[in-house]
Amino acid sequence: VKKILIVSLTTTSVIGILLMGGALIGAKVLAS
């Protein structure tokens, strides 16, 4: 259970931060 949580939190946190940054930078493109 501990391993599941560590792997999951690490994976989603890294991807979430990267995607948020990319989405903010490319918001105009996404909107168009």
PDB file of all heavy atoms in Angstrom:
ATOM      1  N   VAL A   1       0.840  -1.201   0.000  1.00  0.00           N
ATOM      2  CA  VAL A   1       0.000   0.000   0.000  1.00  0.00           C
ATOM      3  C   VAL A   1       0.873   1.248   0.000  1.00  0.00           C
ATOM      4  O   VAL A   1       0.612   2.222  -0.715  1.00  0.00           O
ATOM      5  CB  VAL A   1      -0.945   0.008   1.223  1.00  0.00           C
ATOM      6  CG1 VAL A   1      -1.711   1.326   1.304  1.00  0.00           C
ATOM      7  CG2 VAL A   1      -1.927  -1.166   1.142  1.00  0.00           C
ATOM      8  N   LYS A   2       1.942   1.210   0.807  1.00  0.00           N
ATOM      9  CA  LYS A   2       2.870   2.342   0.879  1.00  0.00           C
ATOM     10  C   LYS A   2       3.507   2.609  -0.487  1.00  0.00           C
ATOM     11  O   LYS A   2       3.610   3.750  -0.947  1.00  0.00           O
ATOM     12  CB  LYS A   2       3.941   2.075   1.921  1.00  0.00           C
ATOM     13  CG  LYS A   2       4.874   3.247   2.163  1.00  0.00           C
ATOM     14  CD  LYS A   2       6.041   2.850   3.060  1.00  0.00           C
ATOM     15  CE  LYS A   2       5.578   2.452   4.439  1.00  0.00           C
ATOM     16  NZ  LYS A   2       6.720   2.212   5.366  1.00  0.00           N
ATOM     17  N   LYS A   3       3.946   1.533  -1.158  1.00  0.00           N
ATOM     18  CA  LYS A   3       4.548   1.679  -2.475  1.00  0.00           C
ATOM     19  C   LYS A   3       3.555   2.282  -3.477  1.00  0.00           C
ATOM     20  O   LYS A   3       3.915   3.139  -4.289  1.00  0.00           O
ATOM     21  CB  LYS A   3       5.022   0.318  -2.985  1.00  0.00           C
ATOM     22  CG  LYS A   3       6.151  -0.305  -2.196  1.00  0.00           C
ATOM     23  CD  LYS A   3       6.481  -1.673  -2.771  1.00  0.00           C
ATOM     24  CE  LYS A   3       7.479  -2.413  -1.906  1.00  0.00           C
ATOM     25  NZ  LYS A   3       7.755  -3.770  -2.440  1.00  0.00           N
ATOM     26  N   ILE A   4       2.314   1.808  -3.405  1.00  0.00           N
ATOM     27  CA  ILE A   4       1.279   2.310  -4.318  1.00  0.00           C
ATOM     28  C   ILE A   4       1.117   3.822  -4.155  1.00  0.00           C
ATOM     29  O   ILE A   4       1.038   4.575  -5.141  1.00  0.00           O
ATOM     30  CB  ILE A   4      -0.066   1.586  -4.055  1.00  0.00           C
ATOM     31  CG1 ILE A   4       0.034   0.115  -4.468  1.00  0.00           C
ATOM     32  CG2 ILE A   4      -1.206   2.273  -4.808  1.00  0.00           C
ATOM     33  CD1 ILE A   4      -1.130  -0.733  -4.002  1.00  0.00           C
ATOM     34  N   LEU A   5       1.088   4.271  -2.912  1.00  0.00           N
ATOM     35  CA  LEU A   5       0.905   5.704  -2.651  1.00  0.00           C
ATOM     36  C   LEU A   5       2.109   6.520  -3.112  1.00  0.00           C
ATOM     37  O   LEU A   5       1.948   7.586  -3.714  1.00  0.00           O
ATOM     38  CB  LEU A   5       0.658   5.926  -1.158  1.00  0.00           C
ATOM     39  CG  LEU A   5      -0.731   5.517  -0.652  1.00  0.00           C
ATOM     40  CD1 LEU A   5      -0.767   5.577   0.864  1.00  0.00           C
ATOM     41  CD2 LEU A   5      -1.802   6.413  -1.233  1.00  0.00           C
ATOM     42  N   ILE A   6       3.302   6.044  -2.826  1.00  0.00           N
ATOM     43  CA  ILE A   6       4.510   6.791  -3.207  1.00  0.00           C
ATOM     44  C   ILE A   6       4.594   6.942  -4.717  1.00  0.00           C
ATOM     45  O   ILE A   6       4.807   8.041  -5.247  1.00  0.00           O
ATOM     46  CB  ILE A   6       5.776   6.095  -2.662  1.00  0.00           C
ATOM     47  CG1 ILE A   6       5.820   6.199  -1.136  1.00  0.00           C
ATOM     48  CG2 ILE A   6       7.034   6.706  -3.262  1.00  0.00           C
ATOM     49  CD1 ILE A   6       6.941   5.412  -0.502  1.00  0.00           C
ATOM     50  N   VAL A   7       4.400   5.834  -5.432  1.00  0.00           N
ATOM     51  CA  VAL A   7       4.487   5.864  -6.893  1.00  0.00           C
ATOM     52  C   VAL A   7       3.386   6.761  -7.479  1.00  0.00           C
ATOM     53  O   VAL A   7       3.639   7.573  -8.380  1.00  0.00           O
ATOM     54  CB  VAL A   7       4.372   4.431  -7.468  1.00  0.00           C
ATOM     55  CG1 VAL A   7       4.260   4.466  -8.988  1.00  0.00           C
ATOM     56  CG2 VAL A   7       5.578   3.602  -7.051  1.00  0.00           C
ATOM     57  N   SER A   8       2.182   6.643  -6.945  1.00  0.00           N
ATOM     58  CA  SER A   8       1.056   7.407  -7.485  1.00  0.00           C
ATOM     59  C   SER A   8       1.218   8.909  -7.248  1.00  0.00           C
ATOM     60  O   SER A   8       1.026   9.720  -8.167  1.00  0.00           O
ATOM     61  CB  SER A   8      -0.249   6.930  -6.840  1.00  0.00           C
ATOM     62  OG  SER A   8      -0.449   5.559  -7.074  1.00  0.00           O
ATOM     63  N   LEU A   9       1.564   9.289  -6.016  1.00  0.00           N
ATOM     64  CA  LEU A   9       1.718  10.707  -5.698  1.00  0.00           C
ATOM     65  C   LEU A   9       2.869  11.332  -6.494  1.00  0.00           C
ATOM     66  O   LEU A   9       2.751  12.468  -6.984  1.00  0.00           O
ATOM     67  CB  LEU A   9       1.959  10.885  -4.199  1.00  0.00           C
ATOM     68  CG  LEU A   9       0.732  10.730  -3.302  1.00  0.00           C
ATOM     69  CD1 LEU A   9       1.139  10.679  -1.830  1.00  0.00           C
ATOM     70  CD2 LEU A   9      -0.261  11.864  -3.531  1.00  0.00           C
ATOM     71  N   THR A  10       3.957  10.591  -6.628  1.00  0.00           N
ATOM     72  CA  THR A  10       5.088  11.113  -7.396  1.00  0.00           C
ATOM     73  C   THR A  10       4.699  11.330  -8.859  1.00  0.00           C
ATOM     74  O   THR A  10       4.975  12.377  -9.452  1.00  0.00           O
ATOM     75  CB  THR A  10       6.289  10.144  -7.319  1.00  0.00           C
ATOM     76  OG1 THR A  10       6.655   9.952  -5.953  1.00  0.00           O
ATOM     77  CG2 THR A  10       7.477  10.694  -8.077  1.00  0.00           C
ATOM     78  N   THR A  11       4.031  10.331  -9.430  1.00  0.00           N
ATOM     79  CA  THR A  11       3.666  10.390 -10.845  1.00  0.00           C
ATOM     80  C   THR A  11       2.704  11.535 -11.128  1.00  0.00           C
ATOM     81  O   THR A  11       2.934  12.364 -12.028  1.00  0.00           O
ATOM     82  CB  THR A  11       3.029   9.060 -11.285  1.00  0.00           C
ATOM     83  OG1 THR A  11       3.942   7.984 -11.029  1.00  0.00           O
ATOM     84  CG2 THR A  11       2.700   9.082 -12.769  1.00  0.00           C
ATOM     85  N   THR A  12       1.619  11.602 -10.373  1.00  0.00           N
ATOM     86  CA  THR A  12       0.607  12.617 -10.652  1.00  0.00           C
ATOM     87  C   THR A  12       1.093  14.027 -10.333  1.00  0.00           C
ATOM     88  O   THR A  12       0.738  14.979 -11.030  1.00  0.00           O
ATOM     89  CB  THR A  12      -0.677  12.335  -9.852  1.00  0.00           C
ATOM     90  OG1 THR A  12      -0.366  12.263  -8.448  1.00  0.00           O
ATOM     91  CG2 THR A  12      -1.319  11.033 -10.281  1.00  0.00           C
ATOM     92  N   SER A  13       1.898  14.177  -9.283  1.00  0.00           N
ATOM     93  CA  SER A  13       2.388  15.513  -8.915  1.00  0.00           C
ATOM     94  C   SER A  13       3.297  16.087  -9.998  1.00  0.00           C
ATOM     95  O   SER A  13       3.152  17.254 -10.401  1.00  0.00           O
ATOM     96  CB  SER A  13       3.144  15.457  -7.585  1.00  0.00           C
ATOM     97  OG  SER A  13       2.295  15.062  -6.531  1.00  0.00           O
ATOM     98  N   VAL A  14       4.229  15.271 -10.475  1.00  0.00           N
ATOM     99  CA  VAL A  14       5.152  15.749 -11.513  1.00  0.00           C
ATOM    100  C   VAL A  14       4.397  16.086 -12.790  1.00  0.00           C
ATOM    101  O   VAL A  14       4.583  17.162 -13.383  1.00  0.00           O
ATOM    102  CB  VAL A  14       6.243  14.682 -11.785  1.00  0.00           C
ATOM    103  CG1 VAL A  14       7.074  15.072 -13.004  1.00  0.00           C
ATOM    104  CG2 VAL A  14       7.138  14.524 -10.572  1.00  0.00           C
ATOM    105  N   ILE A  15       3.526  15.167 -13.219  1.00  0.00           N
ATOM    106  CA  ILE A  15       2.775  15.412 -14.449  1.00  0.00           C
ATOM    107  C   ILE A  15       1.860  16.620 -14.292  1.00  0.00           C
ATOM    108  O   ILE A  15       1.721  17.440 -15.213  1.00  0.00           O
ATOM    109  CB  ILE A  15       1.952  14.160 -14.825  1.00  0.00           C
ATOM    110  CG1 ILE A  15       2.885  13.007 -15.181  1.00  0.00           C
ATOM    111  CG2 ILE A  15       1.037  14.455 -16.010  1.00  0.00           C
ATOM    112  CD1 ILE A  15       2.176  11.707 -15.463  1.00  0.00           C
ATOM    113  N   GLY A  16       1.226  16.748 -13.121  1.00  0.00           N
ATOM    114  CA  GLY A  16       0.311  17.868 -12.898  1.00  0.00           C
ATOM    115  C   GLY A  16       0.995  19.221 -12.992  1.00  0.00           C
ATOM    116  O   GLY A  16       0.474  20.145 -13.625  1.00  0.00           O
ATOM    117  N   ILE A  17       2.161  19.342 -12.383  1.00  0.00           N
ATOM    118  CA  ILE A  17       2.891  20.615 -12.417  1.00  0.00           C
ATOM    119  C   ILE A  17       3.329  20.945 -13.840  1.00  0.00           C
ATOM    120  O   ILE A  17       3.198  22.092 -14.310  1.00  0.00           O
ATOM    121  CB  ILE A  17       4.100  20.556 -11.469  1.00  0.00           C
ATOM    122  CG1 ILE A  17       3.624  20.479 -10.016  1.00  0.00           C
ATOM    123  CG2 ILE A  17       4.996  21.775 -11.657  1.00  0.00           C
ATOM    124  CD1 ILE A  17       4.725  20.215  -9.012  1.00  0.00           C
ATOM    125  N   LEU A  18       3.834  19.939 -14.561  1.00  0.00           N
ATOM    126  CA  LEU A  18       4.276  20.166 -15.938  1.00  0.00           C
ATOM    127  C   LEU A  18       3.105  20.558 -16.847  1.00  0.00           C
ATOM    128  O   LEU A  18       3.218  21.486 -17.663  1.00  0.00           O
ATOM    129  CB  LEU A  18       4.956  18.907 -16.484  1.00  0.00           C
ATOM    130  CG  LEU A  18       6.307  18.535 -15.850  1.00  0.00           C
ATOM    131  CD1 LEU A  18       6.798  17.208 -16.401  1.00  0.00           C
ATOM    132  CD2 LEU A  18       7.335  19.636 -16.092  1.00  0.00           C
ATOM    133  N   LEU A  19       1.985  19.860 -16.692  1.00  0.00           N
ATOM    134  CA  LEU A  19       0.827  20.162 -17.536  1.00  0.00           C
ATOM    135  C   LEU A  19       0.248  21.538 -17.226  1.00  0.00           C
ATOM    136  O   LEU A  19      -0.166  22.258 -18.138  1.00  0.00           O
ATOM    137  CB  LEU A  19      -0.253  19.093 -17.347  1.00  0.00           C
ATOM    138  CG  LEU A  19      -0.160  17.865 -18.253  1.00  0.00           C
ATOM    139  CD1 LEU A  19      -1.283  16.891 -17.925  1.00  0.00           C
ATOM    140  CD2 LEU A  19      -0.226  18.257 -19.719  1.00  0.00           C
ATOM    141  N   MET A  20       0.205  21.901 -15.956  1.00  0.00           N
ATOM    142  CA  MET A  20      -0.325  23.222 -15.610  1.00  0.00           C
ATOM    143  C   MET A  20       0.544  24.317 -16.224  1.00  0.00           C
ATOM    144  O   MET A  20       0.028  25.281 -16.802  1.00  0.00           O
ATOM    145  CB  MET A  20      -0.385  23.397 -14.097  1.00  0.00           C
ATOM    146  CG  MET A  20      -1.028  24.728 -13.694  1.00  0.00           C
ATOM    147  SD  MET A  20      -1.031  25.027 -11.907  1.00  0.00           S
ATOM    148  CE  MET A  20       0.705  25.346 -11.624  1.00  0.00           C
ATOM    149  N   GLY A  21       1.866  24.168 -16.109  1.00  0.00           N
ATOM    150  CA  GLY A  21       2.752  25.156 -16.712  1.00  0.00           C
ATOM    151  C   GLY A  21       2.583  25.240 -18.214  1.00  0.00           C
ATOM    152  O   GLY A  21       2.491  26.336 -18.794  1.00  0.00           O
ATOM    153  N   GLY A  22       2.499  24.069 -18.863  1.00  0.00           N
ATOM    154  CA  GLY A  22       2.304  24.058 -20.310  1.00  0.00           C
ATOM    155  C   GLY A  22       0.978  24.651 -20.722  1.00  0.00           C
ATOM    156  O   GLY A  22       0.881  25.365 -21.729  1.00  0.00           O
ATOM    157  N   ALA A  23      -0.080  24.353 -19.936  1.00  0.00           N
ATOM    158  CA  ALA A  23      -1.408  24.876 -20.262  1.00  0.00           C
ATOM    159  C   ALA A  23      -1.466  26.388 -20.109  1.00  0.00           C
ATOM    160  O   ALA A  23      -2.103  27.080 -20.913  1.00  0.00           O
ATOM    161  CB  ALA A  23      -2.460  24.215 -19.372  1.00  0.00           C
ATOM    162  N   LEU A  24      -0.823  26.913 -19.072  1.00  0.00           N
ATOM    163  CA  LEU A  24      -0.816  28.366 -18.881  1.00  0.00           C
ATOM    164  C   LEU A  24      -0.068  29.063 -20.016  1.00  0.00           C
ATOM    165  O   LEU A  24      -0.502  30.101 -20.523  1.00  0.00           O
ATOM    166  CB  LEU A  24      -0.169  28.712 -17.538  1.00  0.00           C
ATOM    167  CG  LEU A  24      -1.000  28.393 -16.289  1.00  0.00           C
ATOM    168  CD1 LEU A  24      -0.168  28.596 -15.027  1.00  0.00           C
ATOM    169  CD2 LEU A  24      -2.260  29.257 -16.234  1.00  0.00           C
ATOM    170  N   ILE A  25       1.051  28.474 -20.430  1.00  0.00           N
ATOM    171  CA  ILE A  25       1.830  29.069 -21.520  1.00  0.00           C
ATOM    172  C   ILE A  25       1.068  28.980 -22.853  1.00  0.00           C
ATOM    173  O   ILE A  25       1.066  29.926 -23.646  1.00  0.00           O
ATOM    174  CB  ILE A  25       3.200  28.371 -21.636  1.00  0.00           C
ATOM    175  CG1 ILE A  25       4.032  28.651 -20.374  1.00  0.00           C
ATOM    176  CG2 ILE A  25       3.955  28.848 -22.879  1.00  0.00           C
ATOM    177  CD1 ILE A  25       5.309  27.833 -20.292  1.00  0.00           C
ATOM    178  N   GLY A  26       0.425  27.832 -23.067  1.00  0.00           N
ATOM    179  CA  GLY A  26      -0.257  27.623 -24.348  1.00  0.00           C
ATOM    180  C   GLY A  26      -1.750  27.855 -24.314  1.00  0.00           C
ATOM    181  O   GLY A  26      -2.473  27.346 -25.184  1.00  0.00           O
ATOM    182  N   ALA A  27      -2.241  28.618 -23.333  1.00  0.00           N
ATOM    183  CA  ALA A  27      -3.687  28.828 -23.200  1.00  0.00           C
ATOM    184  C   ALA A  27      -4.290  29.484 -24.432  1.00  0.00           C
ATOM    185  O   ALA A  27      -5.384  29.128 -24.890  1.00  0.00           O
ATOM    186  CB  ALA A  27      -3.984  29.667 -21.956  1.00  0.00           C
ATOM    187  N   LYS A  28      -3.576  30.444 -25.005  1.00  0.00           N
ATOM    188  CA  LYS A  28      -4.079  31.132 -26.198  1.00  0.00           C
ATOM    189  C   LYS A  28      -4.237  30.161 -27.364  1.00  0.00           C
ATOM    190  O   LYS A  28      -5.218  30.207 -28.111  1.00  0.00           O
ATOM    191  CB  LYS A  28      -3.123  32.257 -26.584  1.00  0.00           C
ATOM    192  CG  LYS A  28      -3.223  33.507 -25.725  1.00  0.00           C
ATOM    193  CD  LYS A  28      -4.451  34.322 -26.097  1.00  0.00           C
ATOM    194  CE  LYS A  28      -4.465  35.658 -25.354  1.00  0.00           C
ATOM    195  NZ  LYS A  28      -5.685  36.441 -25.675  1.00  0.00           N
ATOM    196  N   VAL A  29      -3.247  29.272 -27.503  1.00  0.00           N
ATOM    197  CA  VAL A  29      -3.301  28.292 -28.591  1.00  0.00           C
ATOM    198  C   VAL A  29      -4.456  27.318 -28.372  1.00  0.00           C
ATOM    199  O   VAL A  29      -5.210  26.999 -29.307  1.00  0.00           O
ATOM    200  CB  VAL A  29      -1.965  27.524 -28.682  1.00  0.00           C
ATOM    201  CG1 VAL A  29      -2.033  26.446 -29.760  1.00  0.00           C
ATOM    202  CG2 VAL A  29      -0.825  28.486 -28.959  1.00  0.00           C
ATOM    203  N   LEU A  30      -4.603  26.835 -27.133  1.00  0.00           N
ATOM    204  CA  LEU A  30      -5.704  25.933 -26.810  1.00  0.00           C
ATOM    205  C   LEU A  30      -7.049  26.589 -27.107  1.00  0.00           C
ATOM    206  O   LEU A  30      -7.960  25.954 -27.653  1.00  0.00           O
ATOM    207  CB  LEU A  30      -5.637  25.521 -25.332  1.00  0.00           C
ATOM    208  CG  LEU A  30      -4.510  24.573 -24.923  1.00  0.00           C
ATOM    209  CD1 LEU A  30      -4.475  24.422 -23.406  1.00  0.00           C
ATOM    210  CD2 LEU A  30      -4.689  23.216 -25.575  1.00  0.00           C
ATOM    211  N   ALA A  31      -7.177  27.852 -26.737  1.00  0.00           N
ATOM    212  CA  ALA A  31      -8.436  28.566 -26.960  1.00  0.00           C
ATOM    213  C   ALA A  31      -8.732  28.709 -28.451  1.00  0.00           C
ATOM    214  O   ALA A  31      -9.870  28.526 -28.893  1.00  0.00           O
ATOM    215  CB  ALA A  31      -8.373  29.942 -26.302  1.00  0.00           C
ATOM    216  N   SER A  32      -7.705  29.012 -29.239  1.00  0.00           N
ATOM    217  CA  SER A  32      -7.920  29.203 -30.677  1.00  0.00           C
ATOM    218  C   SER A  32      -8.297  27.906 -31.376  1.00  0.00           C
ATOM    219  O   SER A  32      -9.007  27.918 -32.386  1.00  0.00           O
ATOM    220  CB  SER A  32      -6.661  29.799 -31.320  1.00  0.00           C
ATOM    221  OG  SER A  32      -5.571  28.890 -31.196  1.00  0.00           O
TER     222      SER A  32
END
